PDB file of N, CA and C in Angstrom:
ATOM      1  N   MET A   1     364.078  69.500 209.888  1.00  0.00           N
ATOM      2  CA  MET A   1     363.533  69.385 208.490  1.00  0.00           C
ATOM      3  C   MET A   1     361.951  69.250 208.939  1.00  0.00           C
ATOM      4  N   VAL A   2     360.961  70.082 208.110  1.00  0.00           N
ATOM      5  CA  VAL A   2     359.635  70.275 208.439  1.00  0.00           C
ATOM      6  C   VAL A   2     359.057  69.738 207.389  1.00  0.00           C
ATOM      7  N   ASP A   3     358.034  68.782 208.024  1.00  0.00           N
ATOM      8  CA  ASP A   3     357.349  68.152 207.206  1.00  0.00           C
ATOM      9  C   ASP A   3     356.049  68.760 206.764  1.00  0.00           C
ATOM     10  N   MET A   4     355.671  68.975 205.186  1.00  0.00           N
ATOM     11  CA  MET A   4     354.927  69.317 204.630  1.00  0.00           C
ATOM     12  C   MET A   4     353.507  68.524 204.520  1.00  0.00           C
ATOM     13  N   ALA A   5     352.296  69.648 204.760  1.00  0.00           N
ATOM     14  CA  ALA A   5     350.991  69.210 205.001  1.00  0.00           C
ATOM     15  C   ALA A   5     350.855  68.173 203.415  1.00  0.00           C
ATOM     16  N   LYS A   6     350.141  67.424 203.798  1.00  0.00           N
ATOM     17  CA  LYS A   6     349.794  66.674 202.346  1.00  0.00           C
ATOM     18  C   LYS A   6     348.127  66.555 202.225  1.00  0.00           C
ATOM     19  N   THR A   7     348.215  66.841 200.856  1.00  0.00           N
ATOM     20  CA  THR A   7     346.538  67.246 200.308  1.00  0.00           C
ATOM     21  C   THR A   7     345.588  65.676 200.258  1.00  0.00           C
ATOM     22  N   VAL A   8     344.631  65.825 200.190  1.00  0.00           N
ATOM     23  CA  VAL A   8     343.462  64.749 200.523  1.00  0.00           C
ATOM     24  C   VAL A   8     342.677  65.344 199.413  1.00  0.00           C
ATOM     25  N   ASN A   9     342.376  64.399 198.386  1.00  0.00           N
ATOM     26  CA  ASN A   9     341.084  64.517 197.504  1.00  0.00           C
ATOM     27  C   ASN A   9     339.698  64.054 198.301  1.00  0.00           C
ATOM     28  N   LEU A  10     338.786  64.778 198.410  1.00  0.00           N
ATOM     29  CA  LEU A  10     337.522  64.426 199.102  1.00  0.00           C
ATOM     30  C   LEU A  10     336.160  64.538 198.048  1.00  0.00           C
ATOM     31  N   PRO A  11     335.576  63.732 198.158  1.00  0.00           N
ATOM     32  CA  PRO A  11     334.194  64.305 196.990  1.00  0.00           C
ATOM     33  C   PRO A  11     333.550  64.964 197.968  1.00  0.00           C
ATOM     34  N   ASP A  12     332.646  65.832 197.463  1.00  0.00           N
ATOM     35  CA  ASP A  12     332.160  67.469 197.703  1.00  0.00           C
ATOM     36  C   ASP A  12     331.440  67.139 198.922  1.00  0.00           C
ATOM     37  N   LYS A  13     330.547  65.842 198.934  1.00  0.00           N
ATOM     38  CA  LYS A  13     329.481  65.372 200.001  1.00  0.00           C
ATOM     39  C   LYS A  13     330.677  65.437 201.287  1.00  0.00           C
ATOM     40  N   ILE A  14     331.583  64.493 201.124  1.00  0.00           N
ATOM     41  CA  ILE A  14     332.453  64.500 202.271  1.00  0.00           C
ATOM     42  C   ILE A  14     333.075  65.544 202.855  1.00  0.00           C
ATOM     43  N   TYR A  15     333.685  66.338 201.880  1.00  0.00           N
ATOM     44  CA  TYR A  15     333.913  67.597 202.395  1.00  0.00           C
ATOM     45  C   TYR A  15     333.492  68.397 202.819  1.00  0.00           C
ATOM     46  N   ASP A  16     331.972  68.592 202.832  1.00  0.00           N
ATOM     47  CA  ASP A  16     330.780  69.397 203.180  1.00  0.00           C
ATOM     48  C   ASP A  16     330.836  68.753 204.741  1.00  0.00           C
ATOM     49  N   ASP A  17     330.805  67.437 204.925  1.00  0.00           N
ATOM     50  CA  ASP A  17     330.630  66.851 206.154  1.00  0.00           C
ATOM     51  C   ASP A  17     331.625  67.163 207.104  1.00  0.00           C
ATOM     52  N   LEU A  18     332.782  67.538 206.591  1.00  0.00           N
ATOM     53  CA  LEU A  18     334.229  67.597 207.430  1.00  0.00           C
ATOM     54  C   LEU A  18     334.017  69.005 207.905  1.00  0.00           C
ATOM     55  N   ALA A  19     333.480  69.528 206.814  1.00  0.00           N
ATOM     56  CA  ALA A  19     333.576  71.403 207.208  1.00  0.00           C
ATOM     57  C   ALA A  19     332.647  71.444 208.207  1.00  0.00           C
ATOM     58  N   LYS A  20     331.425  71.062 208.376  1.00  0.00           N
ATOM     59  CA  LYS A  20     330.399  70.964 209.444  1.00  0.00           C
ATOM     60  C   LYS A  20     330.614  70.407 210.561  1.00  0.00           C
ATOM     61  N   THR A  21     331.017  69.415 210.325  1.00  0.00           N
ATOM     62  CA  THR A  21     331.797  68.680 211.700  1.00  0.00           C
ATOM     63  C   THR A  21     332.977  69.472 212.316  1.00  0.00           C
ATOM     64  N   ALA A  22     333.670  70.215 211.464  1.00  0.00           N
ATOM     65  CA  ALA A  22     334.853  71.177 211.926  1.00  0.00           C
ATOM     66  C   ALA A  22     333.673  72.493 212.952  1.00  0.00           C
ATOM     67  N   GLU A  23     332.650  72.880 212.109  1.00  0.00           N
ATOM     68  CA  GLU A  23     332.426  74.095 212.723  1.00  0.00           C
ATOM     69  C   GLU A  23     331.362  73.455 214.050  1.00  0.00           C
ATOM     70  N   GLU A  24     330.902  72.064 214.233  1.00  0.00           N
ATOM     71  CA  GLU A  24     330.167  72.169 215.261  1.00  0.00           C
ATOM     72  C   GLU A  24     331.211  71.513 216.502  1.00  0.00           C
ATOM     73  N   LEU A  25     332.452  70.859 216.132  1.00  0.00           N
ATOM     74  CA  LEU A  25     333.347  71.093 217.043  1.00  0.00           C
ATOM     75  C   LEU A  25     333.685  72.573 217.683  1.00  0.00           C
ATOM     76  N   THR A  26     334.016  73.339 216.447  1.00  0.00           N
ATOM     77  CA  THR A  26     334.343  74.544 217.154  1.00  0.00           C
ATOM     78  C   THR A  26     333.147  75.006 218.237  1.00  0.00           C
ATOM     79  N   PHE A  27     331.996  74.978 218.001  1.00  0.00           N
ATOM     80  CA  PHE A  27     330.966  75.597 218.500  1.00  0.00           C
ATOM     81  C   PHE A  27     330.965  74.639 219.975  1.00  0.00           C
ATOM     82  N   MET A  28     331.315  73.463 220.204  1.00  0.00           N
ATOM     83  CA  MET A  28     331.720  72.508 221.305  1.00  0.00           C
ATOM     84  C   MET A  28     332.592  73.195 222.296  1.00  0.00           C
ATOM     85  N   ALA A  29     333.736  73.151 221.168  1.00  0.00           N
ATOM     86  CA  ALA A  29     334.833  73.782 222.236  1.00  0.00           C
ATOM     87  C   ALA A  29     335.049  74.880 222.618  1.00  0.00           C
ATOM     88  N   LYS A  30     334.175  75.887 222.028  1.00  0.00           N
ATOM     89  CA  LYS A  30     334.296  77.314 221.982  1.00  0.00           C
ATOM     90  C   LYS A  30     335.612  77.963 221.745  1.00  0.00           C
ATOM     91  N   LYS A  31     336.318  77.203 220.416  1.00  0.00           N
ATOM     92  CA  LYS A  31     337.672  77.911 220.395  1.00  0.00           C
ATOM     93  C   LYS A  31     337.528  77.459 218.828  1.00  0.00           C
ATOM     94  N   PRO A  32     338.444  78.071 218.070  1.00  0.00           N
ATOM     95  CA  PRO A  32     338.700  77.144 216.860  1.00  0.00           C
ATOM     96  C   PRO A  32     339.194  75.746 216.435  1.00  0.00           C
ATOM     97  N   ILE A  33     338.496  75.108 215.732  1.00  0.00           N
ATOM     98  CA  ILE A  33     338.540  73.784 215.384  1.00  0.00           C
ATOM     99  C   ILE A  33     338.906  73.591 213.883  1.00  0.00           C
ATOM    100  N   SER A  34     340.007  73.660 213.495  1.00  0.00           N
ATOM    101  CA  SER A  34     340.279  73.625 211.890  1.00  0.00           C
ATOM    102  C   SER A  34     339.722  72.030 211.204  1.00  0.00           C
ATOM    103  N   GLN A  35     339.695  72.046 209.683  1.00  0.00           N
ATOM    104  CA  GLN A  35     339.072  71.003 209.562  1.00  0.00           C
ATOM    105  C   GLN A  35     340.464  69.652 209.669  1.00  0.00           C
ATOM    106  N   SER A  36     341.476  70.119 209.667  1.00  0.00           N
ATOM    107  CA  SER A  36     342.774  68.729 209.965  1.00  0.00           C
ATOM    108  C   SER A  36     342.420  68.648 211.669  1.00  0.00           C
ATOM    109  N   MET A  37     342.307  69.562 212.535  1.00  0.00           N
ATOM    110  CA  MET A  37     342.156  69.106 213.739  1.00  0.00           C
ATOM    111  C   MET A  37     340.735  68.495 214.218  1.00  0.00           C
ATOM    112  N   ALA A  38     339.818  68.440 212.928  1.00  0.00           N
ATOM    113  CA  ALA A  38     338.593  67.918 213.044  1.00  0.00           C
ATOM    114  C   ALA A  38     338.866  66.185 212.847  1.00  0.00           C
ATOM    115  N   VAL A  39     339.553  66.226 211.943  1.00  0.00           N
ATOM    116  CA  VAL A  39     339.830  64.772 211.369  1.00  0.00           C
ATOM    117  C   VAL A  39     340.878  64.040 212.250  1.00  0.00           C
ATOM    118  N   ASN A  40     341.762  64.613 213.067  1.00  0.00           N
ATOM    119  CA  ASN A  40     342.535  64.363 214.020  1.00  0.00           C
ATOM    120  C   ASN A  40     341.909  63.655 215.366  1.00  0.00           C
ATOM    121  N   LEU A  41     340.970  64.503 215.416  1.00  0.00           N
ATOM    122  CA  LEU A  41     340.196  64.322 216.898  1.00  0.00           C
ATOM    123  C   LEU A  41     339.084  63.005 216.530  1.00  0.00           C
ATOM    124  N   LEU A  42     338.427  63.122 215.501  1.00  0.00           N
ATOM    125  CA  LEU A  42     337.759  61.719 214.924  1.00  0.00           C
ATOM    126  C   LEU A  42     338.499  60.613 215.011  1.00  0.00           C
ATOM    127  N   ILE A  43     339.733  60.611 214.121  1.00  0.00           N
ATOM    128  CA  ILE A  43     340.883  59.410 214.507  1.00  0.00           C
ATOM    129  C   ILE A  43     340.770  59.280 216.123  1.00  0.00           C
ATOM    130  N   GLU A  44     341.337  59.946 216.614  1.00  0.00           N
ATOM    131  CA  GLU A  44     341.584  59.813 218.373  1.00  0.00           C
ATOM    132  C   GLU A  44     340.544  59.135 218.740  1.00  0.00           C
ATOM    133  N   VAL A  45     339.044  59.620 218.503  1.00  0.00           N
ATOM    134  CA  VAL A  45     337.817  59.139 219.023  1.00  0.00           C
ATOM    135  C   VAL A  45     337.748  57.615 218.582  1.00  0.00           C
ATOM    136  N   TYR A  46     338.066  57.464 217.364  1.00  0.00           N
ATOM    137  CA  TYR A  46     338.144  55.863 216.913  1.00  0.00           C
ATOM    138  C   TYR A  46     339.119  54.812 217.515  1.00  0.00           C
ATOM    139  N   HIS A  47     340.386  55.418 217.815  1.00  0.00           N
ATOM    140  CA  HIS A  47     341.256  54.741 218.143  1.00  0.00           C
ATOM    141  C   HIS A  47     340.664  54.449 219.643  1.00  0.00           C
ATOM    142  N   ALA A  48     340.323  55.606 220.671  1.00  0.00           N
ATOM    143  CA  ALA A  48     340.052  55.310 221.706  1.00  0.00           C
ATOM    144  C   ALA A  48     338.752  54.472 222.000  1.00  0.00           C
ATOM    145  N   HIS A  49     337.551  54.109 220.876  1.00  0.00           N
ATOM    146  CA  HIS A  49     336.747  53.489 220.885  1.00  0.00           C
ATOM    147  C   HIS A  49     337.209  52.091 220.885  1.00  0.00           C
ATOM    148  N   LEU A  50     337.822  51.849 219.807  1.00  0.00           N
ATOM    149  CA  LEU A  50     338.685  50.442 219.374  1.00  0.00           C
ATOM    150  C   LEU A  50     339.725  49.617 220.427  1.00  0.00           C
ATOM    151  N   ASN A  51     339.934  50.583 221.414  1.00  0.00           N
ATOM    152  CA  ASN A  51     340.866  49.840 222.313  1.00  0.00           C
ATOM    153  C   ASN A  51     340.300  49.046 223.153  1.00  0.00           C
ATOM    154  N   ASN A  52     338.829  49.314 223.123  1.00  0.00           N
ATOM    155  CA  ASN A  52     338.059  48.518 223.910  1.00  0.00           C
ATOM    156  C   ASN A  52     337.935  47.174 223.270  1.00  0.00           C
ATOM    157  N   ARG A  53     338.202  46.025 223.682  1.00  0.00           N
ATOM    158  CA  ARG A  53     338.151  44.678 222.563  1.00  0.00           C
ATOM    159  C   ARG A  53     337.085  44.391 222.215  1.00  0.00           C
ATOM    160  N   CYS A  54     335.746  44.573 223.193  1.00  0.00           N
ATOM    161  CA  CYS A  54     334.417  44.171 222.714  1.00  0.00           C
ATOM    162  C   CYS A  54     333.803  45.464 221.442  1.00  0.00           C
ATOM    163  N   ALA A  55     334.303  46.279 221.443  1.00  0.00           N
ATOM    164  CA  ALA A  55     334.108  47.501 220.438  1.00  0.00           C
ATOM    165  C   ALA A  55     334.865  47.057 219.327  1.00  0.00           C
ATOM    166  N   LEU A  56     336.032  46.579 219.377  1.00  0.00           N
ATOM    167  CA  LEU A  56     336.755  46.315 218.123  1.00  0.00           C
ATOM    168  C   LEU A  56     336.239  45.113 217.483  1.00  0.00           C
ATOM    169  N   ASP A  57     335.822  44.320 218.329  1.00  0.00           N
ATOM    170  CA  ASP A  57     335.292  42.864 217.641  1.00  0.00           C
ATOM    171  C   ASP A  57     333.948  42.939 217.080  1.00  0.00           C
ATOM    172  N   ALA A  58     333.225  43.567 217.471  1.00  0.00           N
ATOM    173  CA  ALA A  58     331.683  44.084 216.963  1.00  0.00           C
ATOM    174  C   ALA A  58     331.713  45.055 215.873  1.00  0.00           C
ATOM    175  N   PHE A  59     332.939  45.708 215.955  1.00  0.00           N
ATOM    176  CA  PHE A  59     332.955  46.847 214.766  1.00  0.00           C
ATOM    177  C   PHE A  59     333.614  45.794 213.599  1.00  0.00           C
ATOM    178  N   SER A  60     334.408  45.111 214.019  1.00  0.00           N
ATOM    179  CA  SER A  60     335.286  44.253 212.514  1.00  0.00           C
ATOM    180  C   SER A  60     334.132  43.430 212.184  1.00  0.00           C
ATOM    181  N   GLN A  61     333.208  42.745 212.905  1.00  0.00           N
ATOM    182  CA  GLN A  61     332.081  41.652 212.504  1.00  0.00           C
ATOM    183  C   GLN A  61     331.329  42.695 211.488  1.00  0.00           C
ATOM    184  N   GLN A  62     330.884  43.994 211.913  1.00  0.00           N
ATOM    185  CA  GLN A  62     329.915  44.723 211.356  1.00  0.00           C
ATOM    186  C   GLN A  62     330.739  44.920 209.851  1.00  0.00           C
ATOM    187  N   LEU A  63     332.043  45.518 209.821  1.00  0.00           N
ATOM    188  CA  LEU A  63     332.737  45.530 208.506  1.00  0.00           C
ATOM    189  C   LEU A  63     332.702  44.796 207.354  1.00  0.00           C
ATOM    190  N   LYS A  64     332.944  43.322 208.600  1.00  0.00           N
ATOM    191  CA  LYS A  64     333.335  42.360 207.572  1.00  0.00           C
ATOM    192  C   LYS A  64     331.959  42.046 206.809  1.00  0.00           C
ATOM    193  N   SER A  65     330.809  42.046 207.511  1.00  0.00           N
ATOM    194  CA  SER A  65     329.344  41.481 207.031  1.00  0.00           C
ATOM    195  C   SER A  65     328.627  42.660 205.954  1.00  0.00           C
ATOM    196  N   ILE A  66     329.187  43.789 206.288  1.00  0.00           N
ATOM    197  CA  ILE A  66     328.405  44.916 205.173  1.00  0.00           C
ATOM    198  C   ILE A  66     328.813  44.975 203.603  1.00  0.00           C
ATOM    199  N   ASP A  67     328.182  45.360 202.822  1.00  0.00           N
ATOM    200  CA  ASP A  67     328.486  44.967 201.540  1.00  0.00           C
ATOM    201  C   ASP A  67     329.069  46.598 201.158  1.00  0.00           C
ATOM    202  N   ILE A  68     330.402  46.777 201.064  1.00  0.00           N
ATOM    203  CA  ILE A  68     331.214  48.003 200.832  1.00  0.00           C
ATOM    204  C   ILE A  68     331.535  48.151 199.509  1.00  0.00           C
ATOM    205  N   MET A  69     331.349  49.641 198.971  1.00  0.00           N
ATOM    206  CA  MET A  69     331.784  49.826 197.470  1.00  0.00           C
ATOM    207  C   MET A  69     333.455  49.933 197.341  1.00  0.00           C
ATOM    208  N   SER A  70     333.583  49.643 196.277  1.00  0.00           N
ATOM    209  CA  SER A  70     335.232  50.022 196.069  1.00  0.00           C
ATOM    210  C   SER A  70     335.463  51.413 196.224  1.00  0.00           C
ATOM    211  N   PRO A  71     336.563  51.755 196.326  1.00  0.00           N
ATOM    212  CA  PRO A  71     336.694  53.188 196.473  1.00  0.00           C
ATOM    213  C   PRO A  71     336.437  54.009 195.548  1.00  0.00           C
ATOM    214  N   GLU A  72     336.665  53.079 194.229  1.00  0.00           N
ATOM    215  CA  GLU A  72     336.453  53.999 193.159  1.00  0.00           C
ATOM    216  C   GLU A  72     334.749  54.325 192.912  1.00  0.00           C
ATOM    217  N   GLU A  73     333.795  53.443 193.414  1.00  0.00           N
ATOM    218  CA  GLU A  73     332.742  53.370 193.301  1.00  0.00           C
ATOM    219  C   GLU A  73     332.056  54.736 194.532  1.00  0.00           C
ATOM    220  N   PHE A  74     332.442  54.280 195.410  1.00  0.00           N
ATOM    221  CA  PHE A  74     332.144  55.225 196.724  1.00  0.00           C
ATOM    222  C   PHE A  74     332.642  56.848 196.242  1.00  0.00           C
ATOM    223  N   ASP A  75     334.038  57.080 195.499  1.00  0.00           N
ATOM    224  CA  ASP A  75     333.831  58.357 195.176  1.00  0.00           C
ATOM    225  C   ASP A  75     333.218  58.845 194.297  1.00  0.00           C
ATOM    226  N   LYS A  76     332.818  58.051 193.242  1.00  0.00           N
ATOM    227  CA  LYS A  76     331.847  58.445 192.283  1.00  0.00           C
ATOM    228  C   LYS A  76     330.293  58.676 192.330  1.00  0.00           C
ATOM    229  N   TYR A  77     330.153  57.922 193.659  1.00  0.00           N
ATOM    230  CA  TYR A  77     328.443  58.002 193.813  1.00  0.00           C
ATOM    231  C   TYR A  77     328.501  59.305 194.530  1.00  0.00           C
ATOM    232  N   TRP A  78     329.659  59.835 195.379  1.00  0.00           N
ATOM    233  CA  TRP A  78     329.383  61.296 196.384  1.00  0.00           C
ATOM    234  C   TRP A  78     329.749  62.084 195.484  1.00  0.00           C
ATOM    235  N   ASP A  79     330.101  62.044 194.017  1.00  0.00           N
ATOM    236  CA  ASP A  79     330.581  63.146 193.204  1.00  0.00           C
ATOM    237  C   ASP A  79     329.472  63.460 192.385  1.00  0.00           C
ATOM    238  N   GLU A  80     328.508  62.547 192.264  1.00  0.00           N
ATOM    239  CA  GLU A  80     327.434  62.706 191.381  1.00  0.00           C
ATOM    240  C   GLU A  80     326.327  63.892 191.922  1.00  0.00           C
ATOM    241  N   PRO A  81     325.494  64.444 191.391  1.00  0.00           N
ATOM    242  CA  PRO A  81     324.667  65.245 191.855  1.00  0.00           C
ATOM    243  C   PRO A  81     323.822  64.812 192.848  1.00  0.00           C
ATOM    244  N   LEU A  82     323.223  65.419 193.682  1.00  0.00           N
ATOM    245  CA  LEU A  82     322.333  64.900 194.612  1.00  0.00           C
ATOM    246  C   LEU A  82     320.989  64.318 193.633  1.00  0.00           C
ATOM    247  N   LYS A  83     320.435  65.240 193.034  1.00  0.00           N
ATOM    248  CA  LYS A  83     318.968  64.694 192.330  1.00  0.00           C
ATOM    249  C   LYS A  83     319.424  63.084 191.694  1.00  0.00           C
ATOM    250  N   THR A  84     320.527  62.831 191.036  1.00  0.00           N
ATOM    251  CA  THR A  84     321.195  61.616 190.551  1.00  0.00           C
ATOM    252  C   THR A  84     321.126  60.426 191.593  1.00  0.00           C
ATOM    253  N   GLN A  85     321.455  60.861 192.845  1.00  0.00           N
ATOM    254  CA  GLN A  85     321.560  59.932 193.963  1.00  0.00           C
ATOM    255  C   GLN A  85     320.207  59.615 194.152  1.00  0.00           C
ATOM    256  N   GLN A  86     319.327  60.778 194.545  1.00  0.00           N
ATOM    257  CA  GLN A  86     317.981  60.343 195.069  1.00  0.00           C
ATOM    258  C   GLN A  86     317.064  59.656 194.353  1.00  0.00           C
ATOM    259  N   THR A  87     317.552  59.559 192.773  1.00  0.00           N
ATOM    260  CA  THR A  87     316.700  58.676 191.902  1.00  0.00           C
ATOM    261  C   THR A  87     317.254  57.469 192.187  1.00  0.00           C
ATOM    262  N   LYS A  88     318.498  57.443 192.109  1.00  0.00           N
ATOM    263  CA  LYS A  88     319.108  55.673 192.152  1.00  0.00           C
ATOM    264  C   LYS A  88     318.832  55.304 193.441  1.00  0.00           C
ATOM    265  N   ARG A  89     318.470  55.830 194.743  1.00  0.00           N
ATOM    266  CA  ARG A  89     318.406  55.411 195.983  1.00  0.00           C
ATOM    267  C   ARG A  89     316.606  55.000 195.829  1.00  0.00           C
ATOM    268  N   ARG A  90     316.143  55.859 195.106  1.00  0.00           N
ATOM    269  CA  ARG A  90     314.664  55.402 195.225  1.00  0.00           C
ATOM    270  C   ARG A  90     314.327  54.095 194.081  1.00  0.00           C
ATOM    271  N   THR A  91     315.256  53.848 192.831  1.00  0.00           N
ATOM    272  CA  THR A  91     315.008  52.619 192.481  1.00  0.00           C
ATOM    273  C   THR A  91     315.739  51.236 193.209  1.00  0.00           C
ATOM    274  N   ARG A  92     316.368  51.376 193.906  1.00  0.00           N
ATOM    275  CA  ARG A  92     317.321  50.665 194.750  1.00  0.00           C
ATOM    276  C   ARG A  92     315.983  50.215 195.561  1.00  0.00           C
ATOM    277  N   THR A  93     315.353  51.064 196.276  1.00  0.00           N
ATOM    278  CA  THR A  93     314.773  50.436 197.446  1.00  0.00           C
ATOM    279  C   THR A  93     313.202  50.420 196.770  1.00  0.00           C
ATOM    280  N   LYS A  94     312.885  50.571 195.473  1.00  0.00           N
ATOM    281  CA  LYS A  94     311.416  50.201 194.873  1.00  0.00           C
ATOM    282  C   LYS A  94     311.187  48.229 195.342  1.00  0.00           C
ATOM    283  N   LYS A  95     310.116  48.332 196.000  1.00  0.00           N
ATOM    284  CA  LYS A  95     309.512  46.852 196.076  1.00  0.00           C
ATOM    285  C   LYS A  95     308.705  46.246 194.792  1.00  0.00           C
ATOM    286  N   PRO A  96     309.184  45.091 194.677  1.00  0.00           N
ATOM    287  CA  PRO A  96     308.377  44.519 193.420  1.00  0.00           C
ATOM    288  C   PRO A  96     306.737  44.569 193.615  1.00  0.00           C
ATOM    289  N   ALA A  97     306.232  44.776 192.544  1.00  0.00           N
ATOM    290  CA  ALA A  97     304.728  44.824 192.692  1.00  0.00           C
ATOM    291  C   ALA A  97     304.312  43.532 192.779  1.00  0.00           C
ATOM    292  N   ASN A  98     303.162  43.340 193.828  1.00  0.00           N
ATOM    293  CA  ASN A  98     302.117  42.182 194.235  1.00  0.00           C
ATOM    294  C   ASN A  98     301.495  41.787 192.888  1.00  0.00           C
ATOM    295  N   LYS A  99     301.347  40.763 192.392  1.00  0.00           N
ATOM    296  CA  LYS A  99     300.587  40.194 191.439  1.00  0.00           C
ATOM    297  C   LYS A  99     299.175  39.539 192.051  1.00  0.00           C
TER     298      LYS A  99
END
């Protein structure tokens, strides 16, 4: 039995980053690297990095301590037009006026 490829829906920005990463890996390897190969390589790097117990502990602590969006918020954020994102970022980073 042959396994069929699965489809993954990615926000446009994430897809663009993946495509660029595959291109960069192709340049580095001097041979074609597809997007699925790029994902596999990135997962392998992730697993190799987390095989180090100190790295695993540090990463786990960072992951627990950061404010992570829900999957729905993440997809909505990355699917919004860039101009809207930049406006929201500026709004979030404004400092209160000193009186």
